[in-house]
């Protein structure tokens, strides 16, 4: 089954992607307008969506960022970070950051493609989400400076309609917003992570319904 998913994604991620449509479903109008006003020199970043199979379900690890003085403080995210000069490309950025943040080494052969780039206004970052498929559950060694905890969520839990909600979020500047998000096991996934995840769900729709 995991082999079938790998084959499916390698082909699907080469075609047209539902980026804007999928992203727009998981954000509010103000943020969407800001995303369309992308600055000319955003900072490049890469994140890794690592899919593995266990107990007849596909899972993805997410990280909870520690609370700190920054725009992504205390948020759920995919492992990832900024592009560095030593990185061959943004795929390498995602692989390196995953190793540094959660201690999981992913071979480049496990990469099946990338989703649409996504601009994140608060940090002026242009994020490339890389997708990997592995045949066994990873063993995590989180870096406590960057990761408070690792959560493994089954993909089907994001499809469940009751887990899609309007959530109230307090931003770093103290402003409260209401935005679409996923709430799974009391963990709120919103913002760029929710938008990226929603695009993956669109890509996987035919496979999940097969």
C-alpha atoms as a PDB file:
ATOM      1  CA  UNK A   1       0.000   0.000   0.000  1.00  0.00           C
ATOM      2  CA  UNK A   2       2.807   2.418   0.831  1.00  0.00           C
ATOM      3  CA  UNK A   3       4.475   1.550  -2.490  1.00  0.00           C
ATOM      4  CA  UNK A   4       1.250   2.403  -4.298  1.00  0.00           C
ATOM      5  CA  UNK A   5       1.180   5.769  -2.530  1.00  0.00           C
ATOM      6  CA  UNK A   6       4.780   6.468  -3.472  1.00  0.00           C
ATOM      7  CA  UNK A   7       4.075   5.737  -7.148  1.00  0.00           C
ATOM      8  CA  UNK A   8       0.889   7.812  -7.054  1.00  0.00           C
ATOM      9  CA  UNK A   9       2.598  10.859  -5.534  1.00  0.00           C
ATOM     10  CA  UNK A  10       5.635  10.738  -7.811  1.00  0.00           C
ATOM     11  CA  UNK A  11       3.283  11.046 -10.774  1.00  0.00           C
ATOM     12  CA  UNK A  12       0.716  13.400  -9.249  1.00  0.00           C
ATOM     13  CA  UNK A  13       3.250  15.944  -7.975  1.00  0.00           C
ATOM     14  CA  UNK A  14       4.618  16.348 -11.514  1.00  0.00           C
ATOM     15  CA  UNK A  15       1.287  17.720 -12.737  1.00  0.00           C
ATOM     16  CA  UNK A  16      -0.736  20.844 -12.084  1.00  0.00           C
ATOM     17  CA  UNK A  17      -1.123  21.515  -8.376  1.00  0.00           C
ATOM     18  CA  UNK A  18      -4.158  22.995  -6.588  1.00  0.00           C
ATOM     19  CA  UNK A  19      -2.039  25.468  -4.598  1.00  0.00           C
ATOM     20  CA  UNK A  20      -4.054  28.697  -4.504  1.00  0.00           C
ATOM     21  CA  UNK A  21      -7.447  27.001  -4.292  1.00  0.00           C
ATOM     22  CA  UNK A  22      -6.341  24.674  -1.475  1.00  0.00           C
ATOM     23  CA  UNK A  23      -4.514  27.420   0.424  1.00  0.00           C
ATOM     24  CA  UNK A  24      -7.472  29.820   0.231  1.00  0.00           C
ATOM     25  CA  UNK A  25      -9.761  27.280   1.890  1.00  0.00           C
ATOM     26  CA  UNK A  26      -7.641  27.306   5.051  1.00  0.00           C
ATOM     27  CA  UNK A  27      -7.065  31.005   5.709  1.00  0.00           C
ATOM     28  CA  UNK A  28      -9.006  34.222   6.224  1.00  0.00           C
ATOM     29  CA  UNK A  29      -9.390  36.933   3.613  1.00  0.00           C
ATOM     30  CA  UNK A  30      -6.980  39.428   5.191  1.00  0.00           C
ATOM     31  CA  UNK A  31      -4.107  36.941   5.230  1.00  0.00           C
ATOM     32  CA  UNK A  32      -4.939  35.873   1.691  1.00  0.00           C
ATOM     33  CA  UNK A  33      -4.622  39.473   0.504  1.00  0.00           C
ATOM     34  CA  UNK A  34      -1.280  39.838   2.292  1.00  0.00           C
ATOM     35  CA  UNK A  35      -0.039  36.641   0.663  1.00  0.00           C
ATOM     36  CA  UNK A  36      -0.796  38.145  -2.745  1.00  0.00           C
ATOM     37  CA  UNK A  37       1.359  41.171  -1.875  1.00  0.00           C
ATOM     38  CA  UNK A  38       4.559  39.130  -1.771  1.00  0.00           C
ATOM     39  CA  UNK A  39       7.744  41.159  -1.389  1.00  0.00           C
ATOM     40  CA  UNK A  40      10.331  40.923  -4.133  1.00  0.00           C
ATOM     41  CA  UNK A  41      12.990  39.346  -1.919  1.00  0.00           C
ATOM     42  CA  UNK A  42      11.368  36.834   0.448  1.00  0.00           C
ATOM     43  CA  UNK A  43      13.578  34.484   2.443  1.00  0.00           C
ATOM     44  CA  UNK A  44      13.516  30.965   1.016  1.00  0.00           C
ATOM     45  CA  UNK A  45      12.650  28.073   3.313  1.00  0.00           C
ATOM     46  CA  UNK A  46      11.853  24.383   3.060  1.00  0.00           C
ATOM     47  CA  UNK A  47       9.674  22.049   5.105  1.00  0.00           C
ATOM     48  CA  UNK A  48       9.282  18.271   4.964  1.00  0.00           C
ATOM     49  CA  UNK A  49       6.014  16.343   4.880  1.00  0.00           C
ATOM     50  CA  UNK A  50       7.085  12.833   5.868  1.00  0.00           C
ATOM     51  CA  UNK A  51       4.457  10.162   5.188  1.00  0.00           C
ATOM     52  CA  UNK A  52       4.778   6.704   6.702  1.00  0.00           C
ATOM     53  CA  UNK A  53       2.465   3.701   7.089  1.00  0.00           C
ATOM     54  CA  UNK A  54       1.542   2.072  10.396  1.00  0.00           C
ATOM     55  CA  UNK A  55      -1.485   0.052  11.566  1.00  0.00           C
ATOM     56  CA  UNK A  56      -3.108   0.278   8.126  1.00  0.00           C
ATOM     57  CA  UNK A  57      -2.998   4.082   8.164  1.00  0.00           C
ATOM     58  CA  UNK A  58      -0.803   6.782   6.677  1.00  0.00           C
ATOM     59  CA  UNK A  59       0.690   9.162   9.248  1.00  0.00           C
ATOM     60  CA  UNK A  60       2.610  12.437   9.192  1.00  0.00           C
ATOM     61  CA  UNK A  61       4.778  13.860  12.015  1.00  0.00           C
ATOM     62  CA  UNK A  62       4.178  17.455  13.073  1.00  0.00           C
ATOM     63  CA  UNK A  63       6.231  19.478  15.512  1.00  0.00           C
ATOM     64  CA  UNK A  64       5.099  21.879  18.215  1.00  0.00           C
ATOM     65  CA  UNK A  65       7.364  24.912  18.294  1.00  0.00           C
ATOM     66  CA  UNK A  66       8.494  26.117  21.737  1.00  0.00           C
ATOM     67  CA  UNK A  67       7.221  29.429  23.047  1.00  0.00           C
ATOM     68  CA  UNK A  68       9.738  32.133  22.128  1.00  0.00           C
ATOM     69  CA  UNK A  69       9.917  35.712  20.914  1.00  0.00           C
ATOM     70  CA  UNK A  70       9.049  35.075  17.285  1.00  0.00           C
ATOM     71  CA  UNK A  71       6.161  34.973  14.830  1.00  0.00           C
ATOM     72  CA  UNK A  72       5.842  31.162  14.895  1.00  0.00           C
ATOM     73  CA  UNK A  73       6.026  30.790  18.684  1.00  0.00           C
ATOM     74  CA  UNK A  74       4.071  27.821  20.051  1.00  0.00           C
ATOM     75  CA  UNK A  75       2.689  26.801  16.665  1.00  0.00           C
ATOM     76  CA  UNK A  76       2.235  23.386  15.095  1.00  0.00           C
ATOM     77  CA  UNK A  77       4.425  22.979  12.020  1.00  0.00           C
ATOM     78  CA  UNK A  78       6.205  20.609   9.690  1.00  0.00           C
ATOM     79  CA  UNK A  79       9.932  20.182  10.328  1.00  0.00           C
ATOM     80  CA  UNK A  80      11.771  22.810   8.330  1.00  0.00           C
ATOM     81  CA  UNK A  81      13.523  26.144   8.217  1.00  0.00           C
ATOM     82  CA  UNK A  82      15.464  28.647   6.176  1.00  0.00           C
ATOM     83  CA  UNK A  83      17.624  27.858   3.179  1.00  0.00           C
ATOM     84  CA  UNK A  84      21.343  28.053   3.951  1.00  0.00           C
ATOM     85  CA  UNK A  85      24.220  28.668   1.550  1.00  0.00           C
ATOM     86  CA  UNK A  86      25.518  25.137   1.984  1.00  0.00           C
ATOM     87  CA  UNK A  87      22.222  23.600   0.859  1.00  0.00           C
ATOM     88  CA  UNK A  88      22.175  22.163  -2.649  1.00  0.00           C
ATOM     89  CA  UNK A  89      18.525  23.185  -3.034  1.00  0.00           C
ATOM     90  CA  UNK A  90      15.333  23.521  -0.981  1.00  0.00           C
ATOM     91  CA  UNK A  91      14.896  19.758  -0.905  1.00  0.00           C
ATOM     92  CA  UNK A  92      18.238  19.602   0.878  1.00  0.00           C
ATOM     93  CA  UNK A  93      17.053  22.365   3.207  1.00  0.00           C
ATOM     94  CA  UNK A  94      14.028  20.282   4.206  1.00  0.00           C
ATOM     95  CA  UNK A  95      16.145  17.144   4.691  1.00  0.00           C
ATOM     96  CA  UNK A  96      18.766  18.990   6.763  1.00  0.00           C
ATOM     97  CA  UNK A  97      16.230  20.766   8.945  1.00  0.00           C
ATOM     98  CA  UNK A  98      14.368  17.514   9.620  1.00  0.00           C
ATOM     99  CA  UNK A  99      17.600  15.951  10.833  1.00  0.00           C
ATOM    100  CA  UNK A 100      18.465  18.960  12.983  1.00  0.00           C
ATOM    101  CA  UNK A 101      15.005  19.386  14.488  1.00  0.00           C
ATOM    102  CA  UNK A 102      13.731  15.837  15.084  1.00  0.00           C
ATOM    103  CA  UNK A 103      16.774  13.632  14.457  1.00  0.00           C
ATOM    104  CA  UNK A 104      15.315  11.847  11.420  1.00  0.00           C
ATOM    105  CA  UNK A 105      17.657  11.276   8.475  1.00  0.00           C
ATOM    106  CA  UNK A 106      15.780  11.031   5.181  1.00  0.00           C
ATOM    107  CA  UNK A 107      17.549   9.717   2.098  1.00  0.00           C
ATOM    108  CA  UNK A 108      16.942  11.818  -1.001  1.00  0.00           C
ATOM    109  CA  UNK A 109      15.579   8.726  -2.755  1.00  0.00           C
ATOM    110  CA  UNK A 110      12.535   8.907  -0.449  1.00  0.00           C
ATOM    111  CA  UNK A 111      11.556  12.321  -1.844  1.00  0.00           C
ATOM    112  CA  UNK A 112       8.552  12.006  -4.173  1.00  0.00           C
ATOM    113  CA  UNK A 113       8.096  15.665  -5.115  1.00  0.00           C
ATOM    114  CA  UNK A 114       7.053  19.063  -3.844  1.00  0.00           C
ATOM    115  CA  UNK A 115       3.827  20.978  -3.317  1.00  0.00           C
ATOM    116  CA  UNK A 116       3.220  24.605  -4.324  1.00  0.00           C
ATOM    117  CA  UNK A 117       5.421  27.319  -2.862  1.00  0.00           C
ATOM    118  CA  UNK A 118       3.647  29.324  -0.171  1.00  0.00           C
ATOM    119  CA  UNK A 119       4.411  32.892   0.887  1.00  0.00           C
ATOM    120  CA  UNK A 120       4.218  33.579   4.640  1.00  0.00           C
ATOM    121  CA  UNK A 121       3.825  37.346   5.237  1.00  0.00           C
ATOM    122  CA  UNK A 122       4.705  37.542   8.986  1.00  0.00           C
ATOM    123  CA  UNK A 123       8.192  36.137   8.414  1.00  0.00           C
ATOM    124  CA  UNK A 124       8.527  37.224   4.761  1.00  0.00           C
ATOM    125  CA  UNK A 125       9.310  33.609   3.840  1.00  0.00           C
ATOM    126  CA  UNK A 126       8.643  31.684   0.636  1.00  0.00           C
ATOM    127  CA  UNK A 127       8.256  28.056   1.707  1.00  0.00           C
ATOM    128  CA  UNK A 128       8.688  25.019  -0.524  1.00  0.00           C
ATOM    129  CA  UNK A 129       6.982  21.924   0.972  1.00  0.00           C
ATOM    130  CA  UNK A 130       8.857  18.729   0.072  1.00  0.00           C
ATOM    131  CA  UNK A 131       7.058  15.384   0.320  1.00  0.00           C
ATOM    132  CA  UNK A 132       8.782  12.123   1.320  1.00  0.00           C
ATOM    133  CA  UNK A 133       7.462   8.585   1.754  1.00  0.00           C
ATOM    134  CA  UNK A 134       9.127   6.106   4.094  1.00  0.00           C
ATOM    135  CA  UNK A 135       8.310   2.479   4.831  1.00  0.00           C
ATOM    136  CA  UNK A 136       8.558   2.560   8.603  1.00  0.00           C
ATOM    137  CA  UNK A 137       7.744   4.866  11.486  1.00  0.00           C
ATOM    138  CA  UNK A 138      10.653   7.216  12.186  1.00  0.00           C
ATOM    139  CA  UNK A 139      12.345   7.381  15.572  1.00  0.00           C
ATOM    140  CA  UNK A 140      12.476  10.949  16.866  1.00  0.00           C
ATOM    141  CA  UNK A 141      15.167  12.788  18.790  1.00  0.00           C
ATOM    142  CA  UNK A 142      13.792  16.338  19.018  1.00  0.00           C
ATOM    143  CA  UNK A 143      16.084  19.301  19.540  1.00  0.00           C
ATOM    144  CA  UNK A 144      14.508  21.024  22.582  1.00  0.00           C
ATOM    145  CA  UNK A 145      15.672  24.432  21.363  1.00  0.00           C
ATOM    146  CA  UNK A 146      13.483  24.102  18.264  1.00  0.00           C
ATOM    147  CA  UNK A 147      10.882  21.465  19.094  1.00  0.00           C
ATOM    148  CA  UNK A 148       8.703  21.185  22.161  1.00  0.00           C
ATOM    149  CA  UNK A 149       7.071  17.900  21.080  1.00  0.00           C
ATOM    150  CA  UNK A 150       6.494  15.679  18.032  1.00  0.00           C
ATOM    151  CA  UNK A 151       2.945  14.586  17.178  1.00  0.00           C
ATOM    152  CA  UNK A 152       2.018  11.848  14.704  1.00  0.00           C
ATOM    153  CA  UNK A 153      -1.390  12.333  13.088  1.00  0.00           C
ATOM    154  CA  UNK A 154      -3.094   9.953  10.640  1.00  0.00           C
ATOM    155  CA  UNK A 155      -3.912  11.612   7.333  1.00  0.00           C
ATOM    156  CA  UNK A 156      -7.539  10.492   7.518  1.00  0.00           C
ATOM    157  CA  UNK A 157      -8.053  12.636  10.631  1.00  0.00           C
ATOM    158  CA  UNK A 158      -7.594  15.739   8.459  1.00  0.00           C
ATOM    159  CA  UNK A 159     -10.306  14.540   6.100  1.00  0.00           C
ATOM    160  CA  UNK A 160     -12.835  14.126   8.918  1.00  0.00           C
ATOM    161  CA  UNK A 161     -15.160  17.119   8.662  1.00  0.00           C
ATOM    162  CA  UNK A 162     -15.556  17.539  12.419  1.00  0.00           C
ATOM    163  CA  UNK A 163     -11.806  18.212  12.698  1.00  0.00           C
ATOM    164  CA  UNK A 164     -12.068  21.233  10.354  1.00  0.00           C
ATOM    165  CA  UNK A 165     -13.106  24.230  12.413  1.00  0.00           C
ATOM    166  CA  UNK A 166     -13.007  27.991  12.703  1.00  0.00           C
ATOM    167  CA  UNK A 167     -10.411  28.596  15.413  1.00  0.00           C
ATOM    168  CA  UNK A 168      -9.609  31.700  17.451  1.00  0.00           C
ATOM    169  CA  UNK A 169      -5.915  32.594  17.447  1.00  0.00           C
ATOM    170  CA  UNK A 170      -4.020  35.235  19.396  1.00  0.00           C
ATOM    171  CA  UNK A 171      -1.224  36.623  17.254  1.00  0.00           C
ATOM    172  CA  UNK A 172       2.202  37.724  18.498  1.00  0.00           C
ATOM    173  CA  UNK A 173       1.050  41.361  18.449  1.00  0.00           C
ATOM    174  CA  UNK A 174      -1.895  40.570  20.705  1.00  0.00           C
ATOM    175  CA  UNK A 175      -4.526  40.748  17.958  1.00  0.00           C
ATOM    176  CA  UNK A 176      -7.138  37.971  17.928  1.00  0.00           C
ATOM    177  CA  UNK A 177      -8.245  36.454  14.617  1.00  0.00           C
ATOM    178  CA  UNK A 178     -10.689  33.762  13.568  1.00  0.00           C
ATOM    179  CA  UNK A 179      -9.398  31.476  10.860  1.00  0.00           C
ATOM    180  CA  UNK A 180     -10.007  28.003   9.379  1.00  0.00           C
ATOM    181  CA  UNK A 181      -7.886  25.278  10.919  1.00  0.00           C
ATOM    182  CA  UNK A 182      -7.655  21.637  11.904  1.00  0.00           C
ATOM    183  CA  UNK A 183      -8.169  20.553  15.510  1.00  0.00           C
ATOM    184  CA  UNK A 184      -6.855  17.041  16.157  1.00  0.00           C
ATOM    185  CA  UNK A 185      -6.386  15.583  19.616  1.00  0.00           C
ATOM    186  CA  UNK A 186      -6.800  19.116  21.009  1.00  0.00           C
ATOM    187  CA  UNK A 187      -3.908  20.390  18.871  1.00  0.00           C
ATOM    188  CA  UNK A 188      -4.696  23.364  16.625  1.00  0.00           C
ATOM    189  CA  UNK A 189      -3.075  23.385  13.178  1.00  0.00           C
ATOM    190  CA  UNK A 190      -3.582  26.657  11.348  1.00  0.00           C
ATOM    191  CA  UNK A 191      -1.843  29.174   9.121  1.00  0.00           C
ATOM    192  CA  UNK A 192       0.756  28.008   6.605  1.00  0.00           C
ATOM    193  CA  UNK A 193       0.831  24.465   7.998  1.00  0.00           C
ATOM    194  CA  UNK A 194      -2.931  24.062   7.553  1.00  0.00           C
ATOM    195  CA  UNK A 195      -2.761  25.518   4.041  1.00  0.00           C
ATOM    196  CA  UNK A 196       0.056  23.164   3.017  1.00  0.00           C
ATOM    197  CA  UNK A 197      -1.740  20.186   4.547  1.00  0.00           C
ATOM    198  CA  UNK A 198      -4.931  21.080   2.714  1.00  0.00           C
ATOM    199  CA  UNK A 199      -3.106  21.094  -0.609  1.00  0.00           C
ATOM    200  CA  UNK A 200      -1.731  17.635   0.161  1.00  0.00           C
ATOM    201  CA  UNK A 201      -5.285  16.446   0.882  1.00  0.00           C
ATOM    202  CA  UNK A 202      -6.411  17.761  -2.510  1.00  0.00           C
ATOM    203  CA  UNK A 203      -3.533  15.932  -4.191  1.00  0.00           C
ATOM    204  CA  UNK A 204      -4.356  12.705  -2.324  1.00  0.00           C
ATOM    205  CA  UNK A 205      -8.103  12.850  -2.934  1.00  0.00           C
ATOM    206  CA  UNK A 206      -8.213  10.281  -5.735  1.00  0.00           C
ATOM    207  CA  UNK A 207      -5.879   7.932  -3.865  1.00  0.00           C
ATOM    208  CA  UNK A 208      -7.836   8.158  -0.599  1.00  0.00           C
ATOM    209  CA  UNK A 209     -11.160   7.535  -2.379  1.00  0.00           C
ATOM    210  CA  UNK A 210      -9.874   4.629  -4.451  1.00  0.00           C
END
